Amino acid sequence: MTNSAIDTVLAWHAALNQADIERLLSLSTEDVEVGGPRGSGRGADLLRDWVARAGLHLEARRVFGRDEVVVVDQAARWRSADGQLTDPQDVASVFRTQGGQVSSVIRHAELPSALHAGGLDFSDEHA
């Protein structure tokens, strides 16, 4: 169900960007995997702490999906110590979903590596 997986991932982005932690947690499995360049870990508490600490805003630009895997090309901005958002940086994240929830989100530095990690390619792009 790629469209429902994509809908879940886009709702996850909206909750993150609105800092709606409870909604974000409801869209994530209890043992959600969260990862990036510094490694990964699991659990709702880790997700809650990461969101509070990172101050991250993700703008979804392009979306790729097949089955329960969704890769999103993103413009990422972090909140600096003075509360301002940084200049956008290009990143891409691999989302794995199950039962209408995100079970894993792993950030990559570039879209091609995220597509490869997710087992997708450019033909999996959704409009």
N, C-alpha and C. Protein backbone atom coordinates (compact mmCIF):
# COMPACT_ATOMS: atom_id res chain seq x y z
N MET A 1 0.83 -1.19 0.00
CA MET A 1 0.00 0.00 0.00
C MET A 1 0.87 1.25 0.00
N THR A 2 1.51 1.53 -1.12
CA THR A 2 2.43 2.65 -1.20
C THR A 2 1.77 3.98 -0.88
N ASN A 3 0.57 4.24 -1.42
CA ASN A 3 -0.07 5.53 -1.16
C ASN A 3 -0.34 5.74 0.32
N SER A 4 -0.78 4.71 1.04
CA SER A 4 -1.00 4.89 2.48
C SER A 4 0.33 5.07 3.20
N ALA A 5 1.37 4.40 2.75
CA ALA A 5 2.70 4.59 3.34
C ALA A 5 3.17 6.02 3.12
N ILE A 6 2.96 6.54 1.91
CA ILE A 6 3.35 7.92 1.61
C ILE A 6 2.53 8.89 2.45
N ASP A 7 1.22 8.65 2.56
CA ASP A 7 0.38 9.51 3.39
C ASP A 7 0.87 9.53 4.84
N THR A 8 1.24 8.37 5.35
CA THR A 8 1.76 8.28 6.72
C THR A 8 3.03 9.10 6.86
N VAL A 9 3.94 8.95 5.91
CA VAL A 9 5.22 9.66 5.97
C VAL A 9 5.02 11.17 5.86
N LEU A 10 4.12 11.61 5.01
CA LEU A 10 3.87 13.05 4.88
C LEU A 10 3.19 13.60 6.13
N ALA A 11 2.32 12.82 6.76
CA ALA A 11 1.71 13.24 8.03
C ALA A 11 2.78 13.31 9.11
N TRP A 12 3.74 12.38 9.08
CA TRP A 12 4.85 12.37 10.03
C TRP A 12 5.67 13.65 9.90
N HIS A 13 5.94 14.05 8.63
CA HIS A 13 6.66 15.31 8.38
C HIS A 13 5.89 16.50 8.98
N ALA A 14 4.58 16.54 8.74
CA ALA A 14 3.76 17.65 9.24
C ALA A 14 3.82 17.73 10.76
N ALA A 15 3.71 16.59 11.43
CA ALA A 15 3.77 16.56 12.90
C ALA A 15 5.14 17.03 13.39
N LEU A 16 6.20 16.57 12.74
CA LEU A 16 7.55 16.99 13.12
C LEU A 16 7.69 18.51 12.99
N ASN A 17 7.26 19.05 11.85
CA ASN A 17 7.43 20.47 11.58
C ASN A 17 6.57 21.35 12.48
N GLN A 18 5.47 20.80 12.99
CA GLN A 18 4.62 21.53 13.92
C GLN A 18 5.02 21.28 15.37
N ALA A 19 6.09 20.50 15.56
CA ALA A 19 6.55 20.12 16.90
C ALA A 19 5.43 19.48 17.70
N ASP A 20 4.57 18.72 17.01
CA ASP A 20 3.47 18.01 17.66
C ASP A 20 3.96 16.61 18.03
N ILE A 21 4.63 16.53 19.16
CA ILE A 21 5.28 15.30 19.59
C ILE A 21 4.27 14.16 19.73
N GLU A 22 3.13 14.43 20.33
CA GLU A 22 2.14 13.36 20.54
C GLU A 22 1.65 12.80 19.21
N ARG A 23 1.39 13.67 18.24
CA ARG A 23 0.96 13.20 16.91
C ARG A 23 2.10 12.42 16.25
N LEU A 24 3.31 12.91 16.38
CA LEU A 24 4.46 12.22 15.80
C LEU A 24 4.60 10.82 16.40
N LEU A 25 4.44 10.72 17.70
CA LEU A 25 4.54 9.42 18.37
C LEU A 25 3.40 8.50 17.94
N SER A 26 2.21 9.05 17.71
CA SER A 26 1.09 8.21 17.28
C SER A 26 1.28 7.69 15.86
N LEU A 27 2.09 8.40 15.09
CA LEU A 27 2.39 7.98 13.71
C LEU A 27 3.61 7.07 13.64
N SER A 28 4.19 6.74 14.79
CA SER A 28 5.40 5.93 14.87
C SER A 28 5.15 4.70 15.73
N THR A 29 5.82 3.60 15.38
CA THR A 29 5.72 2.41 16.21
C THR A 29 6.43 2.66 17.54
N GLU A 30 6.07 1.88 18.54
CA GLU A 30 6.68 2.03 19.87
C GLU A 30 8.20 1.82 19.82
N ASP A 31 8.65 0.92 18.92
CA ASP A 31 10.09 0.63 18.82
C ASP A 31 10.70 1.26 17.57
N VAL A 32 10.19 2.44 17.16
CA VAL A 32 10.66 3.12 15.96
C VAL A 32 12.18 3.27 15.98
N GLU A 33 12.77 3.02 14.83
CA GLU A 33 14.22 3.21 14.67
C GLU A 33 14.44 4.62 14.13
N VAL A 34 15.37 5.35 14.75
CA VAL A 34 15.72 6.70 14.34
C VAL A 34 17.21 6.73 14.12
N GLY A 35 17.62 7.17 12.93
CA GLY A 35 19.05 7.16 12.65
C GLY A 35 19.48 8.23 11.67
N GLY A 36 20.79 8.39 11.64
CA GLY A 36 21.41 9.35 10.75
C GLY A 36 22.90 9.10 10.73
N PRO A 37 23.67 10.14 10.39
CA PRO A 37 25.11 9.97 10.26
C PRO A 37 25.83 9.55 11.54
N ARG A 38 25.21 9.79 12.69
CA ARG A 38 25.86 9.44 13.97
C ARG A 38 25.40 8.10 14.52
N GLY A 39 24.64 7.34 13.72
CA GLY A 39 24.17 6.04 14.18
C GLY A 39 22.67 6.02 14.34
N SER A 40 22.18 4.94 14.93
CA SER A 40 20.74 4.82 15.11
C SER A 40 20.42 4.18 16.45
N GLY A 41 19.16 4.33 16.83
CA GLY A 41 18.66 3.73 18.05
C GLY A 41 17.17 3.48 17.88
N ARG A 42 16.55 2.94 18.91
CA ARG A 42 15.14 2.57 18.82
C ARG A 42 14.34 3.09 20.01
N GLY A 43 13.06 3.33 19.73
CA GLY A 43 12.12 3.60 20.80
C GLY A 43 11.49 4.98 20.75
N ALA A 44 10.28 5.04 21.29
CA ALA A 44 9.51 6.29 21.32
C ALA A 44 10.22 7.35 22.16
N ASP A 45 10.87 6.95 23.25
CA ASP A 45 11.59 7.92 24.08
C ASP A 45 12.75 8.54 23.31
N LEU A 46 13.45 7.73 22.53
CA LEU A 46 14.55 8.24 21.70
C LEU A 46 14.01 9.24 20.69
N LEU A 47 12.89 8.91 20.04
CA LEU A 47 12.28 9.82 19.06
C LEU A 47 11.90 11.13 19.74
N ARG A 48 11.27 11.05 20.88
CA ARG A 48 10.87 12.26 21.62
C ARG A 48 12.09 13.12 21.95
N ASP A 49 13.14 12.50 22.46
CA ASP A 49 14.36 13.24 22.82
C ASP A 49 15.02 13.85 21.59
N TRP A 50 15.07 13.08 20.49
CA TRP A 50 15.69 13.55 19.26
C TRP A 50 14.96 14.78 18.73
N VAL A 51 13.64 14.73 18.69
CA VAL A 51 12.86 15.87 18.18
C VAL A 51 13.11 17.10 19.04
N ALA A 52 13.11 16.95 20.35
CA ALA A 52 13.33 18.07 21.25
C ALA A 52 14.73 18.65 21.10
N ARG A 53 15.70 17.80 20.91
CA ARG A 53 17.10 18.22 20.83
C ARG A 53 17.46 18.79 19.45
N ALA A 54 16.96 18.17 18.38
CA ALA A 54 17.40 18.51 17.03
C ALA A 54 16.80 19.82 16.52
N GLY A 55 15.58 20.15 16.91
CA GLY A 55 14.96 21.36 16.39
C GLY A 55 14.90 21.34 14.87
N LEU A 56 14.55 20.21 14.31
CA LEU A 56 14.63 19.97 12.88
C LEU A 56 13.32 20.29 12.17
N HIS A 57 13.43 20.89 11.00
CA HIS A 57 12.29 21.14 10.10
C HIS A 57 12.64 20.49 8.77
N LEU A 58 11.78 19.59 8.29
CA LEU A 58 12.02 18.88 7.03
C LEU A 58 10.96 19.24 6.00
N GLU A 59 11.39 19.80 4.88
CA GLU A 59 10.49 20.07 3.77
C GLU A 59 10.61 18.94 2.76
N ALA A 60 9.53 18.21 2.57
CA ALA A 60 9.52 17.12 1.58
C ALA A 60 9.46 17.74 0.18
N ARG A 61 10.40 17.33 -0.68
CA ARG A 61 10.42 17.86 -2.03
C ARG A 61 10.02 16.81 -3.06
N ARG A 62 10.65 15.67 -3.01
CA ARG A 62 10.32 14.57 -3.92
C ARG A 62 10.09 13.33 -3.09
N VAL A 63 9.14 12.50 -3.52
CA VAL A 63 8.78 11.31 -2.76
C VAL A 63 8.84 10.09 -3.68
N PHE A 64 9.47 9.04 -3.17
CA PHE A 64 9.62 7.77 -3.88
C PHE A 64 9.07 6.68 -2.98
N GLY A 65 8.39 5.72 -3.54
CA GLY A 65 7.86 4.68 -2.69
C GLY A 65 7.52 3.40 -3.43
N ARG A 66 7.66 2.33 -2.70
CA ARG A 66 7.24 1.00 -3.17
C ARG A 66 6.93 0.18 -1.93
N ASP A 67 5.75 -0.43 -1.94
CA ASP A 67 5.30 -1.24 -0.80
C ASP A 67 5.32 -0.38 0.46
N GLU A 68 6.04 -0.79 1.47
CA GLU A 68 6.05 -0.08 2.75
C GLU A 68 7.30 0.79 2.94
N VAL A 69 8.07 1.00 1.86
CA VAL A 69 9.28 1.81 1.92
C VAL A 69 9.05 3.12 1.18
N VAL A 70 9.41 4.22 1.84
CA VAL A 70 9.27 5.55 1.25
C VAL A 70 10.60 6.28 1.44
N VAL A 71 11.09 6.87 0.36
CA VAL A 71 12.28 7.72 0.42
C VAL A 71 11.84 9.13 0.08
N VAL A 72 12.26 10.09 0.91
CA VAL A 72 11.88 11.48 0.70
C VAL A 72 13.13 12.33 0.55
N ASP A 73 13.18 13.06 -0.57
CA ASP A 73 14.21 14.07 -0.82
C ASP A 73 13.75 15.31 -0.05
N GLN A 74 14.62 15.85 0.81
CA GLN A 74 14.20 16.89 1.75
C GLN A 74 15.15 18.08 1.78
N ALA A 75 14.60 19.22 2.14
CA ALA A 75 15.38 20.37 2.55
C ALA A 75 15.30 20.40 4.07
N ALA A 76 16.42 20.24 4.72
CA ALA A 76 16.46 20.18 6.19
C ALA A 76 17.00 21.49 6.75
N ARG A 77 16.32 21.95 7.79
CA ARG A 77 16.77 23.14 8.51
C ARG A 77 16.71 22.84 9.99
N TRP A 78 17.75 23.24 10.71
CA TRP A 78 17.81 23.04 12.15
C TRP A 78 17.66 24.39 12.83
N ARG A 79 17.11 24.35 14.03
CA ARG A 79 16.96 25.58 14.81
C ARG A 79 18.26 25.82 15.57
N SER A 80 18.84 27.01 15.39
CA SER A 80 20.08 27.36 16.06
C SER A 80 19.81 27.76 17.51
N ALA A 81 20.87 28.00 18.26
CA ALA A 81 20.75 28.34 19.68
C ALA A 81 19.92 29.61 19.89
N ASP A 82 19.94 30.54 18.92
CA ASP A 82 19.15 31.77 19.05
C ASP A 82 17.73 31.64 18.51
N GLY A 83 17.33 30.40 18.14
CA GLY A 83 15.97 30.15 17.70
C GLY A 83 15.72 30.30 16.22
N GLN A 84 16.71 30.75 15.49
CA GLN A 84 16.57 30.94 14.04
C GLN A 84 16.81 29.62 13.31
N LEU A 85 16.12 29.46 12.17
CA LEU A 85 16.35 28.27 11.35
C LEU A 85 17.58 28.48 10.49
N THR A 86 18.41 27.45 10.38
CA THR A 86 19.60 27.51 9.54
C THR A 86 19.21 27.52 8.07
N ASP A 87 20.18 27.78 7.21
CA ASP A 87 19.95 27.66 5.78
C ASP A 87 19.64 26.20 5.46
N PRO A 88 18.81 25.95 4.45
CA PRO A 88 18.45 24.56 4.14
C PRO A 88 19.63 23.76 3.62
N GLN A 89 19.63 22.49 3.98
CA GLN A 89 20.62 21.53 3.49
C GLN A 89 19.88 20.40 2.81
N ASP A 90 20.42 19.91 1.71
CA ASP A 90 19.82 18.77 1.01
C ASP A 90 20.12 17.49 1.77
N VAL A 91 19.08 16.75 2.10
CA VAL A 91 19.20 15.43 2.72
C VAL A 91 18.12 14.54 2.11
N ALA A 92 18.14 13.28 2.45
CA ALA A 92 17.08 12.35 2.04
C ALA A 92 16.95 11.32 3.16
N SER A 93 15.72 10.88 3.38
CA SER A 93 15.48 9.92 4.45
C SER A 93 14.74 8.71 3.92
N VAL A 94 15.10 7.56 4.48
CA VAL A 94 14.42 6.30 4.17
C VAL A 94 13.47 6.02 5.32
N PHE A 95 12.19 5.90 4.98
CA PHE A 95 11.16 5.56 5.95
C PHE A 95 10.68 4.15 5.67
N ARG A 96 10.52 3.38 6.71
CA ARG A 96 9.87 2.07 6.60
C ARG A 96 8.61 2.16 7.44
N THR A 97 7.52 1.65 6.89
CA THR A 97 6.25 1.73 7.59
C THR A 97 5.69 0.33 7.80
N GLN A 98 4.82 0.24 8.79
CA GLN A 98 4.07 -1.00 9.02
C GLN A 98 2.79 -0.63 9.74
N GLY A 99 1.69 -1.15 9.24
CA GLY A 99 0.40 -0.90 9.87
C GLY A 99 0.03 0.56 9.99
N GLY A 100 0.41 1.38 9.02
CA GLY A 100 0.06 2.80 9.06
C GLY A 100 0.91 3.64 9.98
N GLN A 101 2.05 3.11 10.42
CA GLN A 101 2.96 3.85 11.28
C GLN A 101 4.39 3.76 10.73
N VAL A 102 5.19 4.76 11.04
CA VAL A 102 6.61 4.74 10.69
C VAL A 102 7.33 3.83 11.68
N SER A 103 8.02 2.82 11.14
CA SER A 103 8.78 1.91 12.00
C SER A 103 10.28 2.22 11.97
N SER A 104 10.69 3.03 10.98
CA SER A 104 12.10 3.39 10.87
C SER A 104 12.23 4.65 10.03
N VAL A 105 13.11 5.55 10.45
CA VAL A 105 13.49 6.72 9.65
C VAL A 105 15.00 6.89 9.78
N ILE A 106 15.67 6.80 8.64
CA ILE A 106 17.13 6.92 8.62
C ILE A 106 17.49 8.03 7.63
N ARG A 107 18.19 9.05 8.11
CA ARG A 107 18.58 10.19 7.29
C ARG A 107 19.90 9.90 6.58
N HIS A 108 19.96 10.29 5.31
CA HIS A 108 21.16 10.15 4.49
C HIS A 108 21.57 11.52 3.96
N ALA A 109 22.83 11.65 3.60
CA ALA A 109 23.35 12.93 3.12
C ALA A 109 22.89 13.25 1.71
N GLU A 110 22.48 12.24 0.96
CA GLU A 110 22.10 12.50 -0.43
C GLU A 110 21.04 11.49 -0.90
N LEU A 111 20.26 11.92 -1.88
CA LEU A 111 19.17 11.11 -2.40
C LEU A 111 19.62 9.77 -2.97
N PRO A 112 20.67 9.71 -3.81
CA PRO A 112 21.04 8.41 -4.37
C PRO A 112 21.36 7.35 -3.31
N SER A 113 22.03 7.74 -2.22
CA SER A 113 22.35 6.75 -1.18
C SER A 113 21.09 6.32 -0.44
N ALA A 114 20.14 7.24 -0.26
CA ALA A 114 18.88 6.88 0.40
C ALA A 114 18.08 5.93 -0.48
N LEU A 115 18.00 6.21 -1.77
CA LEU A 115 17.28 5.32 -2.68
C LEU A 115 17.90 3.93 -2.65
N HIS A 116 19.23 3.87 -2.70
CA HIS A 116 19.93 2.58 -2.68
C HIS A 116 19.62 1.84 -1.37
N ALA A 117 19.71 2.54 -0.25
CA ALA A 117 19.45 1.92 1.06
C ALA A 117 18.01 1.41 1.17
N GLY A 118 17.09 2.11 0.51
CA GLY A 118 15.69 1.71 0.56
C GLY A 118 15.30 0.71 -0.51
N GLY A 119 16.25 0.35 -1.39
CA GLY A 119 15.96 -0.60 -2.46
C GLY A 119 15.07 0.00 -3.55
N LEU A 120 15.09 1.32 -3.67
CA LEU A 120 14.29 2.03 -4.67
C LEU A 120 15.18 2.66 -5.71
N ASP A 121 14.56 3.18 -6.77
CA ASP A 121 15.28 3.95 -7.78
C ASP A 121 14.39 5.07 -8.27
N PHE A 122 14.89 5.86 -9.23
CA PHE A 122 14.17 7.03 -9.68
C PHE A 122 12.83 6.69 -10.34
N SER A 123 12.66 5.46 -10.79
CA SER A 123 11.38 5.05 -11.39
C SER A 123 10.28 4.91 -10.34
N ASP A 124 10.64 4.92 -9.06
CA ASP A 124 9.66 4.79 -7.97
C ASP A 124 9.12 6.14 -7.49
N GLU A 125 9.41 7.22 -8.24
CA GLU A 125 8.95 8.54 -7.82
C GLU A 125 7.44 8.67 -7.98
N HIS A 126 6.82 9.33 -6.99
CA HIS A 126 5.38 9.60 -7.02
C HIS A 126 5.16 11.08 -7.23
N ALA A 127 4.15 11.41 -8.01
CA ALA A 127 3.88 12.82 -8.29
C ALA A 127 3.21 13.49 -7.12
